Each structure stands twice: as structure tokens, then as C-alpha cells.
Amino acid sequence: MTTQLLRTERTERSGPQTASVVTDLPFKPQLVKAVFRDVTSLHISRPAAWAAASVTLTLLTEIIDGAKNAAVEEARTRLIPKDLISAIDRNIEVEVGSAWYLHSPTFHGLMGEVRNADGALVSLRERRGARTPSGVAGAHRFEAGVRRLLGSRGVRAVPAMVRDLDGIASVFLTALARDAAKVVREGGVKRFGTVSPVVPGEPAPAPAPLLKDPLLALSTRRGDGRTVGADDVLAAVTMQLFGDLRQRAITEAAEMARNTSAN
């Protein structure tokens, strides 16, 4: 998915040949580094920035494709906020923007009621907290990238939809940066246990050997304690995403980081 967006074909009227033009990711590494600098003083390596940009692209592409499918069912090519809600309802793997959900009007009616210990209703303003949710203030950074991505998927979106995609990208990348910095500080991903299915009346199955875990390589960190590397970003992905989306995001980001390092 990522590599398809990296290379786009453009036909030029200079003859029978077609020129292949290589384009950048919709989410610029410079903007990614700016988000990282908002949450950590650690240095961000070039492959790490590209990897984080790739993960964000994978996530947003999955959301947009889900919204596009919802719009097609109603014979529309322009996405509206309810298409975003449909995409999240149909694919729990893309439900990642909780900080943005509290901020966006699109999700106000879906958050449900929250009551305090005394049973009093907690207002939305109280739930947001005194400060703007992390990642929300800088959400406008990604508008151009979101519009480019929408165009690459063959759809347009109303301004409210662009705003929501913009916000989700920002809060997700902010959380990714925070977790990547945590991986550096703690020396790897700290896991606190596993869940195994148990059938009543039967002995619990033996835990799978750790070496069978395809994510084990990301659980122990190598490198200095002053720089966020690509592997730190990939480790952070294991905390932010799950399922097939997580595996695809890791695979595409790892490829992106390798290509960046090679160049």
C-alpha cells in the first residue's frame, strides 16, 4: 500500500513514452519530526521519521478506504463524517483517535454518558480536561497530506471530514511519538502478561514459546539512549495498533526505513 503511493505514474505529452515520477509520502518527515519534538527532547533519526510517516499513511489509508466503501453504498464519491463513523464501526482496528473523538463534533453523540463517583453527569468540557488534548492543537499540520491522500484514493471529502482525518492523524502520531520515546527510556517494550483461551474442565494450555512471537525482536531495544530510531517507532506501533493493520503497518514501515537508510 505504501509503496504504491510512493510511485505514481504521470503521462506527459512529450511523446509516446510515459515518465514515472516518484513522489514523497503525503505526511512529510519534517512534520513528523515537529510532532516528536512536541513530546520529547530526544533526537529523531531520519529512518524513524519516515517509518512514523509510513505508519500514519497506512492507518489513514485504511480509514479512508473504509469510508469510501460506506459512501459507495450510497452512490456518493464525496466523503462525509458519517462515512468516517461507518468505517470505524466496521473495523475496530482503526479506532485510534480517542483524544480527537472528545474534541470533534462528529463523535459527540457517540461517546456516551460518563458519571463521577457521586453519580453526577460529567460534561464533555470536563472530560476533555483543562488543557487541549495532546495532538489536537497541531492537527492542522496534516491537512495538505490528508487532501493528497484522499485524491490518491480517488475520493473527495467535505471540510468536516478532512478536519476529522487531520485530527486523527495528529493525535495518533502524537501518541506514537510518546510511546517511541518511552521505548527508548525503558529499553524496549514492557509486556505485562498474555491472554490464553481456557476451556472449563480442561488444563490450561502451555504458553507459546517466546521465540515463536514474531514481535519479539521489537521487545528488546538496541542503540543509544538519546535517539529515537526506526525500531523504536515499530515497537511503538505494537502498543498503538493491533491485528492485521498492525502487522501491515510494521511491514510497510520497516521497508520504508530500510530504503531510507540505504539512500
C-alpha atoms as a PDB file:
ATOM      1  CA  MET A   1       0.000   0.000   0.000  1.00  0.00           C
ATOM      2  CA  THR A   2       2.747   2.459   0.988  1.00  0.00           C
ATOM      3  CA  THR A   3       4.989   1.565  -1.918  1.00  0.00           C
ATOM      4  CA  GLN A   4       2.085   2.038  -4.311  1.00  0.00           C
ATOM      5  CA  LEU A   5       1.650   5.614  -3.111  1.00  0.00           C
ATOM      6  CA  LEU A   6       5.353   6.325  -3.294  1.00  0.00           C
ATOM      7  CA  ARG A   7       5.406   5.735  -7.030  1.00  0.00           C
ATOM      8  CA  THR A   8       2.789   7.381  -9.208  1.00  0.00           C
ATOM      9  CA  GLU A   9       2.553   7.367 -12.961  1.00  0.00           C
ATOM     10  CA  ARG A  10       2.092  10.611 -14.897  1.00  0.00           C
ATOM     11  CA  THR A  11       1.767  10.705 -18.671  1.00  0.00           C
ATOM     12  CA  GLU A  12       3.484  13.668 -20.334  1.00  0.00           C
ATOM     13  CA  ARG A  13       2.595  14.864 -23.826  1.00  0.00           C
ATOM     14  CA  SER A  14       6.225  14.915 -24.955  1.00  0.00           C
ATOM     15  CA  GLY A  15       5.991  11.746 -27.000  1.00  0.00           C
ATOM     16  CA  PRO A  16       4.873   8.152 -26.746  1.00  0.00           C
ATOM     17  CA  GLN A  17       6.875   7.497 -23.576  1.00  0.00           C
ATOM     18  CA  THR A  18       5.409   7.670 -20.096  1.00  0.00           C
ATOM     19  CA  ALA A  19       7.519   9.272 -17.373  1.00  0.00           C
ATOM     20  CA  SER A  20       7.492   7.624 -13.966  1.00  0.00           C
ATOM     21  CA  VAL A  21       7.560  10.212 -11.217  1.00  0.00           C
ATOM     22  CA  VAL A  22       8.495   9.295  -7.656  1.00  0.00           C
ATOM     23  CA  THR A  23       6.656  11.369  -5.061  1.00  0.00           C
ATOM     24  CA  ASP A  24       7.051  11.849  -1.322  1.00  0.00           C
ATOM     25  CA  LEU A  25       4.783  10.470   1.352  1.00  0.00           C
ATOM     26  CA  PRO A  26       1.675  12.584   1.968  1.00  0.00           C
ATOM     27  CA  PHE A  27       2.856  13.107   5.548  1.00  0.00           C
ATOM     28  CA  LYS A  28       6.214  14.864   5.342  1.00  0.00           C
ATOM     29  CA  PRO A  29       9.010  13.629   7.639  1.00  0.00           C
ATOM     30  CA  GLN A  30       9.658  17.262   8.627  1.00  0.00           C
ATOM     31  CA  LEU A  31       6.143  17.467  10.062  1.00  0.00           C
ATOM     32  CA  VAL A  32       6.608  14.114  11.766  1.00  0.00           C
ATOM     33  CA  LYS A  33       9.752  15.410  13.460  1.00  0.00           C
ATOM     34  CA  ALA A  34       7.856  18.502  14.604  1.00  0.00           C
ATOM     35  CA  VAL A  35       5.307  16.266  16.340  1.00  0.00           C
ATOM     36  CA  PHE A  36       8.077  14.267  18.009  1.00  0.00           C
ATOM     37  CA  ARG A  37       9.695  17.469  19.232  1.00  0.00           C
ATOM     38  CA  ASP A  38       6.397  18.426  20.887  1.00  0.00           C
ATOM     39  CA  VAL A  39       6.574  15.374  23.155  1.00  0.00           C
ATOM     40  CA  THR A  40      10.272  14.529  23.562  1.00  0.00           C
ATOM     41  CA  SER A  41      13.685  16.164  23.552  1.00  0.00           C
ATOM     42  CA  LEU A  42      15.263  13.036  22.055  1.00  0.00           C
ATOM     43  CA  HIS A  43      16.838  13.200  18.611  1.00  0.00           C
ATOM     44  CA  ILE A  44      14.695  11.674  15.850  1.00  0.00           C
ATOM     45  CA  SER A  45      16.601   9.734  13.206  1.00  0.00           C
ATOM     46  CA  ARG A  46      15.717  10.098   9.546  1.00  0.00           C
ATOM     47  CA  PRO A  47      14.584   6.445   9.181  1.00  0.00           C
ATOM     48  CA  ALA A  48      12.424   6.860  12.316  1.00  0.00           C
ATOM     49  CA  ALA A  49      10.656   9.886  10.819  1.00  0.00           C
ATOM     50  CA  TRP A  50       9.995   8.040   7.573  1.00  0.00           C
ATOM     51  CA  ALA A  51       8.767   4.973   9.460  1.00  0.00           C
ATOM     52  CA  ALA A  52       6.332   7.074  11.525  1.00  0.00           C
ATOM     53  CA  ALA A  53       5.105   8.799   8.364  1.00  0.00           C
ATOM     54  CA  SER A  54       4.568   5.399   6.741  1.00  0.00           C
ATOM     55  CA  VAL A  55       2.573   4.060   9.706  1.00  0.00           C
ATOM     56  CA  THR A  56       0.354   7.148   9.679  1.00  0.00           C
ATOM     57  CA  LEU A  57      -0.189   6.686   5.961  1.00  0.00           C
ATOM     58  CA  THR A  58      -1.163   3.031   6.420  1.00  0.00           C
ATOM     59  CA  LEU A  59      -3.674   3.909   9.143  1.00  0.00           C
ATOM     60  CA  LEU A  60      -5.270   6.818   7.281  1.00  0.00           C
ATOM     61  CA  THR A  61      -5.469   4.817   4.060  1.00  0.00           C
ATOM     62  CA  GLU A  62      -7.345   2.048   5.878  1.00  0.00           C
ATOM     63  CA  ILE A  63      -9.780   4.584   7.351  1.00  0.00           C
ATOM     64  CA  ILE A  64     -10.331   6.370   4.046  1.00  0.00           C
ATOM     65  CA  ASP A  65     -10.897   3.110   2.154  1.00  0.00           C
ATOM     66  CA  GLY A  66     -13.471   2.062   4.757  1.00  0.00           C
ATOM     67  CA  ALA A  67     -15.218   5.424   4.490  1.00  0.00           C
ATOM     68  CA  LYS A  68     -15.088   5.194   0.704  1.00  0.00           C
ATOM     69  CA  ASN A  69     -16.845   1.821   0.799  1.00  0.00           C
ATOM     70  CA  ALA A  70     -19.567   3.317   3.001  1.00  0.00           C
ATOM     71  CA  ALA A  71     -20.016   6.217   0.579  1.00  0.00           C
ATOM     72  CA  VAL A  72     -20.178   3.920  -2.458  1.00  0.00           C
ATOM     73  CA  GLU A  73     -23.112   2.114  -0.870  1.00  0.00           C
ATOM     74  CA  GLU A  74     -24.990   5.413  -1.054  1.00  0.00           C
ATOM     75  CA  ALA A  75     -23.689   6.229  -4.546  1.00  0.00           C
ATOM     76  CA  ARG A  76     -21.506   9.098  -3.311  1.00  0.00           C
ATOM     77  CA  THR A  77     -17.904   9.942  -4.192  1.00  0.00           C
ATOM     78  CA  ARG A  78     -17.574  12.751  -1.645  1.00  0.00           C
ATOM     79  CA  LEU A  79     -16.970  11.570   1.894  1.00  0.00           C
ATOM     80  CA  ILE A  80     -18.935  12.990   4.817  1.00  0.00           C
ATOM     81  CA  PRO A  81     -18.426  12.497   8.588  1.00  0.00           C
ATOM     82  CA  LYS A  82     -20.929   9.654   8.852  1.00  0.00           C
ATOM     83  CA  ASP A  83     -18.736   7.672   6.435  1.00  0.00           C
ATOM     84  CA  LEU A  84     -15.901   8.008   8.934  1.00  0.00           C
ATOM     85  CA  ILE A  85     -18.136   6.677  11.698  1.00  0.00           C
ATOM     86  CA  SER A  86     -19.154   3.764   9.468  1.00  0.00           C
ATOM     87  CA  ALA A  87     -15.504   2.961   8.718  1.00  0.00           C
ATOM     88  CA  ILE A  88     -14.663   2.828  12.435  1.00  0.00           C
ATOM     89  CA  ASP A  89     -17.791   0.822  13.286  1.00  0.00           C
ATOM     90  CA  ARG A  90     -16.906  -1.785  10.659  1.00  0.00           C
ATOM     91  CA  ASN A  91     -13.218  -2.065  11.544  1.00  0.00           C
ATOM     92  CA  ILE A  92     -12.292  -1.791  15.221  1.00  0.00           C
ATOM     93  CA  GLU A  93      -8.592  -1.835  14.275  1.00  0.00           C
ATOM     94  CA  VAL A  94      -8.781   1.798  13.106  1.00  0.00           C
ATOM     95  CA  GLU A  95     -10.367   3.170  16.291  1.00  0.00           C
ATOM     96  CA  VAL A  96      -7.298   5.072  17.467  1.00  0.00           C
ATOM     97  CA  GLY A  97      -8.231   8.739  17.903  1.00  0.00           C
ATOM     98  CA  SER A  98      -9.919   8.831  21.301  1.00  0.00           C
ATOM     99  CA  ALA A  99      -8.405  12.233  22.162  1.00  0.00           C
ATOM    100  CA  TRP A 100      -9.796  13.599  18.908  1.00  0.00           C
ATOM    101  CA  TYR A 101     -13.200  11.979  19.435  1.00  0.00           C
ATOM    102  CA  LEU A 102     -13.697  14.127  22.529  1.00  0.00           C
ATOM    103  CA  HIS A 103     -12.861  17.238  20.504  1.00  0.00           C
ATOM    104  CA  SER A 104     -14.736  16.651  17.245  1.00  0.00           C
ATOM    105  CA  PRO A 105     -18.472  17.355  16.800  1.00  0.00           C
ATOM    106  CA  THR A 106     -18.674  14.226  14.618  1.00  0.00           C
ATOM    107  CA  PHE A 107     -18.345  11.970  17.642  1.00  0.00           C
ATOM    108  CA  HIS A 108     -20.164  13.924  20.367  1.00  0.00           C
ATOM    109  CA  GLY A 109     -23.314  11.829  20.194  1.00  0.00           C
ATOM    110  CA  LEU A 110     -21.410   8.559  20.220  1.00  0.00           C
ATOM    111  CA  MET A 111     -19.261   8.935  23.322  1.00  0.00           C
ATOM    112  CA  GLY A 112     -21.994   8.022  25.784  1.00  0.00           C
ATOM    113  CA  GLU A 113     -22.588   9.430  29.254  1.00  0.00           C
ATOM    114  CA  VAL A 114     -19.919   9.456  31.943  1.00  0.00           C
ATOM    115  CA  ARG A 115     -20.748   9.923  35.604  1.00  0.00           C
ATOM    116  CA  ASN A 116     -18.491  10.632  38.553  1.00  0.00           C
ATOM    117  CA  ALA A 117     -18.336   8.751  41.872  1.00  0.00           C
ATOM    118  CA  ASP A 118     -21.350  10.714  43.137  1.00  0.00           C
ATOM    119  CA  GLY A 119     -23.435   9.789  40.114  1.00  0.00           C
ATOM    120  CA  ALA A 120     -23.353  13.292  38.633  1.00  0.00           C
ATOM    121  CA  LEU A 121     -23.091  13.604  34.854  1.00  0.00           C
ATOM    122  CA  VAL A 122     -19.587  14.614  33.706  1.00  0.00           C
ATOM    123  CA  SER A 123     -19.788  17.253  30.991  1.00  0.00           C
ATOM    124  CA  LEU A 124     -17.860  16.976  27.744  1.00  0.00           C
ATOM    125  CA  ARG A 125     -15.776  20.007  28.726  1.00  0.00           C
ATOM    126  CA  GLU A 126     -14.787  18.278  31.985  1.00  0.00           C
ATOM    127  CA  ARG A 127     -13.936  15.071  30.159  1.00  0.00           C
ATOM    128  CA  ARG A 128     -11.653  16.948  27.801  1.00  0.00           C
ATOM    129  CA  GLY A 129      -9.740  18.393  30.738  1.00  0.00           C
ATOM    130  CA  ALA A 130      -8.469  21.895  31.330  1.00  0.00           C
ATOM    131  CA  ARG A 131      -5.904  21.616  28.541  1.00  0.00           C
ATOM    132  CA  THR A 132      -6.411  20.886  24.868  1.00  0.00           C
ATOM    133  CA  PRO A 133      -5.938  17.137  24.232  1.00  0.00           C
ATOM    134  CA  SER A 134      -2.411  16.341  23.090  1.00  0.00           C
ATOM    135  CA  GLY A 135      -2.151  16.383  19.310  1.00  0.00           C
ATOM    136  CA  VAL A 136      -5.302  18.425  18.756  1.00  0.00           C
ATOM    137  CA  ALA A 137      -3.675  21.855  18.740  1.00  0.00           C
ATOM    138  CA  GLY A 138      -1.348  20.891  15.877  1.00  0.00           C
ATOM    139  CA  ALA A 139      -3.873  18.921  13.857  1.00  0.00           C
ATOM    140  CA  HIS A 140      -3.909  21.482  11.032  1.00  0.00           C
ATOM    141  CA  ARG A 141      -0.362  20.414  10.100  1.00  0.00           C
ATOM    142  CA  PHE A 142      -1.640  17.418   8.186  1.00  0.00           C
ATOM    143  CA  GLU A 143      -4.416  18.954   6.097  1.00  0.00           C
ATOM    144  CA  ALA A 144      -2.368  19.051   2.887  1.00  0.00           C
ATOM    145  CA  GLY A 145      -1.297  15.443   3.348  1.00  0.00           C
ATOM    146  CA  VAL A 146      -4.850  14.314   4.033  1.00  0.00           C
ATOM    147  CA  ARG A 147      -6.078  16.010   0.859  1.00  0.00           C
ATOM    148  CA  ARG A 148      -3.311  14.403  -1.183  1.00  0.00           C
ATOM    149  CA  LEU A 149      -4.140  11.014   0.264  1.00  0.00           C
ATOM    150  CA  LEU A 150      -7.844  11.444  -0.460  1.00  0.00           C
ATOM    151  CA  GLY A 151      -7.001  12.308  -4.047  1.00  0.00           C
ATOM    152  CA  SER A 152      -4.768   9.256  -4.389  1.00  0.00           C
ATOM    153  CA  ARG A 153      -7.694   7.057  -3.264  1.00  0.00           C
ATOM    154  CA  GLY A 154      -9.995   8.634  -5.841  1.00  0.00           C
ATOM    155  CA  VAL A 155     -12.306  10.474  -3.446  1.00  0.00           C
ATOM    156  CA  ARG A 156     -13.040  13.952  -2.131  1.00  0.00           C
ATOM    157  CA  ALA A 157     -14.291  14.916   1.303  1.00  0.00           C
ATOM    158  CA  VAL A 158     -16.274  17.722   2.864  1.00  0.00           C
ATOM    159  CA  PRO A 159     -14.238  20.094   5.112  1.00  0.00           C
ATOM    160  CA  ALA A 160     -15.563  18.475   8.305  1.00  0.00           C
ATOM    161  CA  MET A 161     -14.322  15.072   7.126  1.00  0.00           C
ATOM    162  CA  VAL A 162     -10.902  16.486   6.247  1.00  0.00           C
ATOM    163  CA  ARG A 163     -10.748  18.065   9.704  1.00  0.00           C
ATOM    164  CA  ASP A 164     -11.517  14.737  11.378  1.00  0.00           C
ATOM    165  CA  LEU A 165      -8.943  12.808   9.348  1.00  0.00           C
ATOM    166  CA  ASP A 166      -6.448  15.574  10.069  1.00  0.00           C
ATOM    167  CA  GLY A 167      -7.151  15.358  13.805  1.00  0.00           C
ATOM    168  CA  ILE A 168      -6.994  11.564  13.942  1.00  0.00           C
ATOM    169  CA  ALA A 169      -3.627  11.603  12.154  1.00  0.00           C
ATOM    170  CA  SER A 170      -2.283  14.204  14.575  1.00  0.00           C
ATOM    171  CA  VAL A 171      -3.378  12.549  17.820  1.00  0.00           C
ATOM    172  CA  PHE A 172      -2.278   9.121  16.574  1.00  0.00           C
ATOM    173  CA  LEU A 173       1.167  10.355  15.590  1.00  0.00           C
ATOM    174  CA  THR A 174       1.491  12.216  18.903  1.00  0.00           C
ATOM    175  CA  ALA A 175       0.717   9.003  20.799  1.00  0.00           C
ATOM    176  CA  LEU A 176       3.126   7.083  18.566  1.00  0.00           C
ATOM    177  CA  ALA A 177       5.886   9.598  19.300  1.00  0.00           C
ATOM    178  CA  ARG A 178       5.202   9.402  23.036  1.00  0.00           C
ATOM    179  CA  ASP A 179       5.375   5.598  23.018  1.00  0.00           C
ATOM    180  CA  ALA A 180       8.522   5.566  20.874  1.00  0.00           C
ATOM    181  CA  ALA A 181      10.216   7.873  23.379  1.00  0.00           C
ATOM    182  CA  LYS A 182       9.040   5.551  26.161  1.00  0.00           C
ATOM    183  CA  VAL A 183      10.632   2.596  24.367  1.00  0.00           C
ATOM    184  CA  VAL A 184      13.942   4.471  24.310  1.00  0.00           C
ATOM    185  CA  ARG A 185      13.739   5.381  28.000  1.00  0.00           C
ATOM    186  CA  GLU A 186      12.725   1.888  29.157  1.00  0.00           C
ATOM    187  CA  GLY A 187      14.970  -0.072  26.815  1.00  0.00           C
ATOM    188  CA  GLY A 188      12.185  -1.852  24.953  1.00  0.00           C
ATOM    189  CA  VAL A 189       8.508  -2.768  25.073  1.00  0.00           C
ATOM    190  CA  LYS A 190       7.471  -3.800  28.564  1.00  0.00           C
ATOM    191  CA  ARG A 191       4.815  -6.512  28.461  1.00  0.00           C
ATOM    192  CA  PHE A 192       2.747  -7.300  31.481  1.00  0.00           C
ATOM    193  CA  GLY A 193       1.223 -10.655  30.533  1.00  0.00           C
ATOM    194  CA  THR A 194      -0.656 -12.604  27.895  1.00  0.00           C
ATOM    195  CA  VAL A 195      -4.199 -13.885  27.443  1.00  0.00           C
ATOM    196  CA  SER A 196      -4.874 -17.532  26.550  1.00  0.00           C
ATOM    197  CA  PRO A 197      -8.279 -19.183  25.958  1.00  0.00           C
ATOM    198  CA  VAL A 198      -9.177 -21.788  28.587  1.00  0.00           C
ATOM    199  CA  VAL A 199     -11.894 -24.443  28.247  1.00  0.00           C
ATOM    200  CA  PRO A 200     -13.690 -25.182  31.566  1.00  0.00           C
ATOM    201  CA  GLY A 201     -12.677 -28.578  32.959  1.00  0.00           C
ATOM    202  CA  GLU A 202      -9.552 -28.820  30.820  1.00  0.00           C
ATOM    203  CA  PRO A 203      -5.975 -27.918  31.782  1.00  0.00           C
ATOM    204  CA  ALA A 204      -4.731 -24.533  30.657  1.00  0.00           C
ATOM    205  CA  PRO A 205      -2.594 -24.738  27.520  1.00  0.00           C
ATOM    206  CA  ALA A 206       1.127 -24.232  27.874  1.00  0.00           C
ATOM    207  CA  PRO A 207       2.237 -20.734  26.878  1.00  0.00           C
ATOM    208  CA  ALA A 208       3.695 -20.458  23.415  1.00  0.00           C
ATOM    209  CA  PRO A 209       7.497 -20.239  23.317  1.00  0.00           C
ATOM    210  CA  LEU A 210       8.627 -16.631  23.220  1.00  0.00           C
ATOM    211  CA  LEU A 211      10.778 -17.265  20.179  1.00  0.00           C
ATOM    212  CA  LYS A 212       7.585 -18.024  18.240  1.00  0.00           C
ATOM    213  CA  ASP A 213       6.422 -14.458  18.799  1.00  0.00           C
ATOM    214  CA  PRO A 214       7.010 -12.506  15.550  1.00  0.00           C
ATOM    215  CA  LEU A 215       7.151  -9.250  17.533  1.00  0.00           C
ATOM    216  CA  LEU A 216       9.827 -10.464  19.980  1.00  0.00           C
ATOM    217  CA  ALA A 217      12.549  -8.706  18.016  1.00  0.00           C
ATOM    218  CA  LEU A 218      10.926  -5.376  18.923  1.00  0.00           C
ATOM    219  CA  SER A 219      10.594  -6.103  22.643  1.00  0.00           C
ATOM    220  CA  THR A 220      14.281  -5.520  23.496  1.00  0.00           C
ATOM    221  CA  ARG A 221      15.917  -2.327  22.381  1.00  0.00           C
ATOM    222  CA  ARG A 222      19.388  -1.862  20.939  1.00  0.00           C
ATOM    223  CA  GLY A 223      21.027   1.510  20.408  1.00  0.00           C
ATOM    224  CA  ASP A 224      21.858   4.646  22.344  1.00  0.00           C
ATOM    225  CA  GLY A 225      19.510   6.315  24.782  1.00  0.00           C
ATOM    226  CA  ARG A 226      19.454   9.695  23.054  1.00  0.00           C
ATOM    227  CA  THR A 227      17.957   8.870  19.654  1.00  0.00           C
ATOM    228  CA  VAL A 228      14.584   7.544  18.544  1.00  0.00           C
ATOM    229  CA  GLY A 229      15.302   5.019  15.814  1.00  0.00           C
ATOM    230  CA  ALA A 230      13.099   3.232  13.303  1.00  0.00           C
ATOM    231  CA  ASP A 231      12.908   0.127  15.514  1.00  0.00           C
ATOM    232  CA  ASP A 232      11.632   2.280  18.371  1.00  0.00           C
ATOM    233  CA  VAL A 233       8.818   3.523  16.138  1.00  0.00           C
ATOM    234  CA  LEU A 234       7.992  -0.045  15.098  1.00  0.00           C
ATOM    235  CA  ALA A 235       7.927  -1.075  18.758  1.00  0.00           C
ATOM    236  CA  ALA A 236       5.555   1.823  19.484  1.00  0.00           C
ATOM    237  CA  VAL A 237       3.273   0.545  16.718  1.00  0.00           C
ATOM    238  CA  THR A 238       2.809  -2.684  18.700  1.00  0.00           C
ATOM    239  CA  MET A 239       1.328  -0.575  21.512  1.00  0.00           C
ATOM    240  CA  GLN A 240      -0.873   1.609  19.315  1.00  0.00           C
ATOM    241  CA  LEU A 241      -2.291  -0.830  16.755  1.00  0.00           C
ATOM    242  CA  PHE A 242      -3.363  -4.462  16.683  1.00  0.00           C
ATOM    243  CA  GLY A 243      -4.472  -7.191  14.303  1.00  0.00           C
ATOM    244  CA  ASP A 244      -3.768  -7.263  10.599  1.00  0.00           C
ATOM    245  CA  LEU A 245      -3.468  -3.480  10.477  1.00  0.00           C
ATOM    246  CA  ARG A 246      -0.610  -3.560  12.982  1.00  0.00           C
ATOM    247  CA  GLN A 247       1.276  -6.219  11.051  1.00  0.00           C
ATOM    248  CA  ARG A 248       0.829  -4.404   7.757  1.00  0.00           C
ATOM    249  CA  ALA A 249       1.880  -1.084   9.261  1.00  0.00           C
ATOM    250  CA  ILE A 250       5.034  -2.650  10.740  1.00  0.00           C
ATOM    251  CA  THR A 251       5.933  -4.391   7.484  1.00  0.00           C
ATOM    252  CA  GLU A 252       5.492  -1.292   5.344  1.00  0.00           C
ATOM    253  CA  ALA A 253       7.248   0.999   7.819  1.00  0.00           C
ATOM    254  CA  ALA A 254      10.203  -1.402   8.144  1.00  0.00           C
ATOM    255  CA  GLU A 255      10.556  -1.434   4.363  1.00  0.00           C
ATOM    256  CA  MET A 256      10.388   2.344   4.276  1.00  0.00           C
ATOM    257  CA  ALA A 257      13.070   2.633   6.983  1.00  0.00           C
ATOM    258  CA  ARG A 258      15.365   0.214   5.126  1.00  0.00           C
ATOM    259  CA  ASN A 259      15.002   2.132   1.864  1.00  0.00           C
ATOM    260  CA  THR A 260      15.694   5.407   3.666  1.00  0.00           C
ATOM    261  CA  SER A 261      18.815   4.019   5.340  1.00  0.00           C
ATOM    262  CA  ALA A 262      20.063   2.624   2.029  1.00  0.00           C
ATOM    263  CA  ASN A 263      19.772   6.015   0.394  1.00  0.00           C
END
